[in-house]
């Protein structure tokens, strides 16, 4: 993935430096906007809200806030598991214990009331940060490479993160801005300082005016 990101950056530089001129893209028509990022800016976050500013046709600055919660969107599969399968399984095991084991044992059985503590750890993270992206001039649907810097504070160490910290991250993908300003993007974030799984595939949707 580092090779992919470096390749895109090199491609942008080569294309830009080797051309005598470019037709402008839609990024020059609608310069200021907002977008919602899924697993994207600012990393690390399951969802983020960002403001963007197109500087000419080649660069975009962005800044925003984001967050994640183990019960709401950090990991949909985990959230569904925590909310349905896990407590149901624990409840059934509690019933079996009370019916068949506890009557013949002096030891206290499992307490059903603590299933939330067992299965919903309440991990969460709040992140804010800023970054810059580079595009191929003249292409409204363009490869994009970016760099960002963010600070985060976490609860119960999601992804093995410290209680708070900062890090730089890199991205590579594609971005499309329509003539009306509608914006879509997708790609991959790389977070060298963080554990595997903290960053990955992202999706952006928003609008510029």
Protein backbone atom coordinates (compact mmCIF):
# COMPACT_ATOMS: atom_id res chain seq x y z
CA UNK A 1 0.00 0.00 0.00
CA UNK A 2 2.93 2.38 0.62
CA UNK A 3 4.07 1.63 -2.94
CA UNK A 4 0.56 2.43 -4.21
CA UNK A 5 0.53 5.78 -2.43
CA UNK A 6 4.03 6.65 -3.66
CA UNK A 7 3.05 5.64 -7.19
CA UNK A 8 0.05 7.98 -7.19
CA UNK A 9 2.10 10.87 -5.87
CA UNK A 10 4.75 10.29 -8.54
CA UNK A 11 2.09 10.04 -11.22
CA UNK A 12 0.55 13.36 -10.18
CA UNK A 13 3.93 15.10 -10.27
CA UNK A 14 4.90 13.60 -13.65
CA UNK A 15 1.56 14.40 -15.28
CA UNK A 16 1.51 17.94 -13.94
CA UNK A 17 5.11 18.76 -14.80
CA UNK A 18 4.93 17.19 -18.26
CA UNK A 19 1.99 19.15 -19.55
CA UNK A 20 1.91 22.60 -21.11
CA UNK A 21 -1.58 23.24 -19.84
CA UNK A 22 -4.75 21.69 -18.49
CA UNK A 23 -8.43 22.29 -18.88
CA UNK A 24 -9.71 23.15 -15.44
CA UNK A 25 -11.81 20.65 -13.49
CA UNK A 26 -14.95 21.23 -11.47
CA UNK A 27 -12.81 21.81 -8.39
CA UNK A 28 -12.11 25.32 -9.64
CA UNK A 29 -15.83 26.11 -9.97
CA UNK A 30 -16.92 25.06 -6.50
CA UNK A 31 -14.16 25.68 -4.00
CA UNK A 32 -15.61 25.51 -0.49
CA UNK A 33 -17.51 22.52 0.81
CA UNK A 34 -18.24 19.92 3.43
CA UNK A 35 -18.10 16.16 3.39
CA UNK A 36 -18.86 13.23 5.65
CA UNK A 37 -16.14 10.59 5.85
CA UNK A 38 -16.65 6.96 6.70
CA UNK A 39 -13.50 5.51 8.27
CA UNK A 40 -11.62 8.46 6.79
CA UNK A 41 -10.81 12.05 7.79
CA UNK A 42 -9.76 12.64 10.44
CA UNK A 43 -8.23 9.22 11.12
CA UNK A 44 -8.92 7.39 13.38
CA UNK A 45 -12.72 7.70 13.22
CA UNK A 46 -15.65 5.60 12.11
CA UNK A 47 -17.41 8.79 10.99
CA UNK A 48 -16.14 12.33 10.53
CA UNK A 49 -17.44 15.72 9.44
CA UNK A 50 -15.00 17.85 7.48
CA UNK A 51 -14.72 21.23 5.77
CA UNK A 52 -12.74 21.43 2.54
CA UNK A 53 -11.16 24.23 0.54
CA UNK A 54 -9.98 23.70 -3.05
CA UNK A 55 -6.81 25.69 -3.71
CA UNK A 56 -6.80 25.94 -7.47
CA UNK A 57 -7.20 22.70 -9.37
CA UNK A 58 -4.51 20.61 -7.73
CA UNK A 59 -4.80 20.97 -3.95
CA UNK A 60 -7.45 20.70 -1.26
CA UNK A 61 -7.12 21.54 2.42
CA UNK A 62 -9.41 19.83 4.89
CA UNK A 63 -10.12 19.95 8.61
CA UNK A 64 -12.67 18.18 10.73
CA UNK A 65 -13.73 16.17 13.76
CA UNK A 66 -14.73 12.54 14.07
CA UNK A 67 -15.24 9.69 16.43
CA UNK A 68 -16.18 6.09 16.98
CA UNK A 69 -18.03 4.03 19.55
CA UNK A 70 -18.03 0.26 19.84
CA UNK A 71 -21.82 0.24 20.11
CA UNK A 72 -22.58 2.76 17.37
CA UNK A 73 -20.81 2.32 14.08
CA UNK A 74 -17.20 1.64 14.99
CA UNK A 75 -17.72 -1.89 13.81
CA UNK A 76 -21.24 -2.72 12.60
CA UNK A 77 -20.71 -6.44 12.94
CA UNK A 78 -19.39 -6.02 16.48
CA UNK A 79 -22.26 -3.70 17.36
CA UNK A 80 -24.83 -6.21 16.13
CA UNK A 81 -23.05 -8.99 17.97
CA UNK A 82 -22.86 -6.96 21.18
CA UNK A 83 -26.52 -6.02 20.95
CA UNK A 84 -28.01 -9.39 20.01
CA UNK A 85 -25.96 -12.57 19.82
CA UNK A 86 -23.68 -12.01 22.80
CA UNK A 87 -26.31 -11.08 25.43
CA UNK A 88 -28.69 -13.73 24.09
CA UNK A 89 -26.00 -16.38 24.34
CA UNK A 90 -25.05 -15.24 27.83
CA UNK A 91 -28.69 -15.15 28.90
CA UNK A 92 -29.26 -18.71 27.66
CA UNK A 93 -26.13 -19.93 29.43
CA UNK A 94 -27.34 -18.19 32.59
CA UNK A 95 -30.71 -19.97 32.35
CA UNK A 96 -29.01 -23.33 31.81
CA UNK A 97 -26.73 -22.70 34.78
CA UNK A 98 -29.60 -21.73 37.05
CA UNK A 99 -31.72 -24.70 36.00
CA UNK A 100 -29.18 -27.50 35.96
CA UNK A 101 -26.03 -26.44 37.80
CA UNK A 102 -26.84 -23.89 40.47
CA UNK A 103 -29.36 -26.08 42.36
CA UNK A 104 -26.58 -28.58 43.01
CA UNK A 105 -23.78 -26.12 43.66
CA UNK A 106 -22.96 -23.79 46.53
CA UNK A 107 -21.10 -21.42 44.24
CA UNK A 108 -22.87 -18.32 43.00
CA UNK A 109 -23.81 -18.47 39.34
CA UNK A 110 -23.12 -15.83 36.70
CA UNK A 111 -25.01 -12.59 37.07
CA UNK A 112 -27.01 -11.80 33.91
CA UNK A 113 -26.97 -8.13 34.79
CA UNK A 114 -23.27 -7.80 34.00
CA UNK A 115 -23.56 -8.92 30.37
CA UNK A 116 -23.13 -5.33 29.23
CA UNK A 117 -19.83 -5.07 31.07
CA UNK A 118 -18.73 -8.36 29.55
CA UNK A 119 -19.90 -7.86 25.99
CA UNK A 120 -20.16 -4.10 25.47
CA UNK A 121 -16.88 -2.60 26.63
CA UNK A 122 -17.94 0.95 25.69
CA UNK A 123 -14.81 1.69 23.70
CA UNK A 124 -14.87 5.12 22.12
CA UNK A 125 -12.59 7.65 20.47
CA UNK A 126 -12.77 11.36 19.62
CA UNK A 127 -10.50 12.75 16.91
CA UNK A 128 -9.79 16.12 15.33
CA UNK A 129 -7.31 16.97 12.64
CA UNK A 130 -6.41 18.53 9.31
CA UNK A 131 -4.75 17.54 6.08
CA UNK A 132 -4.07 18.24 2.43
CA UNK A 133 -4.81 16.35 -0.78
CA UNK A 134 -3.32 16.53 -4.26
CA UNK A 135 -5.17 15.84 -7.54
CA UNK A 136 -4.39 15.60 -11.23
CA UNK A 137 -5.31 19.03 -12.67
CA UNK A 138 -8.03 19.00 -15.30
CA UNK A 139 -9.62 15.76 -14.11
CA UNK A 140 -12.88 16.07 -12.20
CA UNK A 141 -12.64 12.31 -11.59
CA UNK A 142 -9.06 12.14 -10.39
CA UNK A 143 -6.59 9.99 -8.51
CA UNK A 144 -5.89 11.60 -5.15
CA UNK A 145 -3.11 11.29 -2.61
CA UNK A 146 -3.11 12.96 0.77
CA UNK A 147 -1.49 13.47 4.11
CA UNK A 148 -3.16 14.28 7.40
CA UNK A 149 -2.36 14.94 11.03
CA UNK A 150 -4.77 14.25 13.88
CA UNK A 151 -5.03 14.12 17.65
CA UNK A 152 -7.26 11.67 19.47
CA UNK A 153 -8.51 10.80 22.92
CA UNK A 154 -9.86 7.33 23.61
CA UNK A 155 -11.77 5.38 26.23
CA UNK A 156 -10.88 1.76 26.98
CA UNK A 157 -8.23 1.64 24.27
CA UNK A 158 -9.96 0.86 20.95
CA UNK A 159 -7.49 -0.56 18.43
CA UNK A 160 -4.97 -0.71 21.27
CA UNK A 161 -4.63 3.09 21.28
CA UNK A 162 -3.30 5.06 24.22
CA UNK A 163 -5.65 7.31 26.18
CA UNK A 164 -4.55 10.19 23.97
CA UNK A 165 -2.03 10.82 21.23
CA UNK A 166 -1.32 12.22 17.79
CA UNK A 167 -0.20 10.75 14.51
CA UNK A 168 0.31 11.41 10.82
CA UNK A 169 -1.52 9.35 8.21
CA UNK A 170 -1.44 9.02 4.43
CA UNK A 171 -4.11 8.25 1.86
CA UNK A 172 -4.47 7.18 -1.75
CA UNK A 173 -7.64 6.81 -3.79
CA UNK A 174 -9.97 8.49 -6.26
CA UNK A 175 -12.17 11.58 -6.01
CA UNK A 176 -14.99 12.93 -8.17
CA UNK A 177 -16.53 16.41 -8.04
CA UNK A 178 -19.47 17.03 -10.35
CA UNK A 179 -20.33 20.29 -12.10
CA UNK A 180 -22.96 20.94 -9.41
CA UNK A 181 -20.40 20.44 -6.64
CA UNK A 182 -21.48 16.97 -5.53
CA UNK A 183 -18.44 15.09 -4.26
CA UNK A 184 -17.63 11.39 -3.87
CA UNK A 185 -14.36 9.81 -2.88
CA UNK A 186 -12.95 6.45 -1.87
CA UNK A 187 -9.54 5.05 -1.09
CA UNK A 188 -7.26 3.71 1.59
CA UNK A 189 -5.76 5.35 4.67
CA UNK A 190 -2.36 4.28 6.00
CA UNK A 191 -1.54 4.95 9.67
CA UNK A 192 2.07 3.85 10.24
CA UNK A 193 2.12 4.54 14.00
CA UNK A 194 -1.12 2.70 14.79
CA UNK A 195 -2.02 -0.95 14.96
CA UNK A 196 -3.48 -2.93 12.07
CA UNK A 197 -7.20 -2.32 11.71
CA UNK A 198 -7.13 1.24 13.02
CA UNK A 199 -7.18 2.62 9.46
CA UNK A 200 -8.17 1.22 6.08
CA UNK A 201 -10.73 1.73 3.33
CA UNK A 202 -12.56 5.06 3.47
CA UNK A 203 -15.56 6.62 1.69
CA UNK A 204 -16.40 10.33 1.43
CA UNK A 205 -19.63 12.02 0.35
CA UNK A 206 -20.38 15.73 0.36
CA UNK A 207 -20.79 18.90 -1.64
CA UNK A 208 -18.83 22.01 -2.69
CA UNK A 209 -20.22 25.45 -3.43
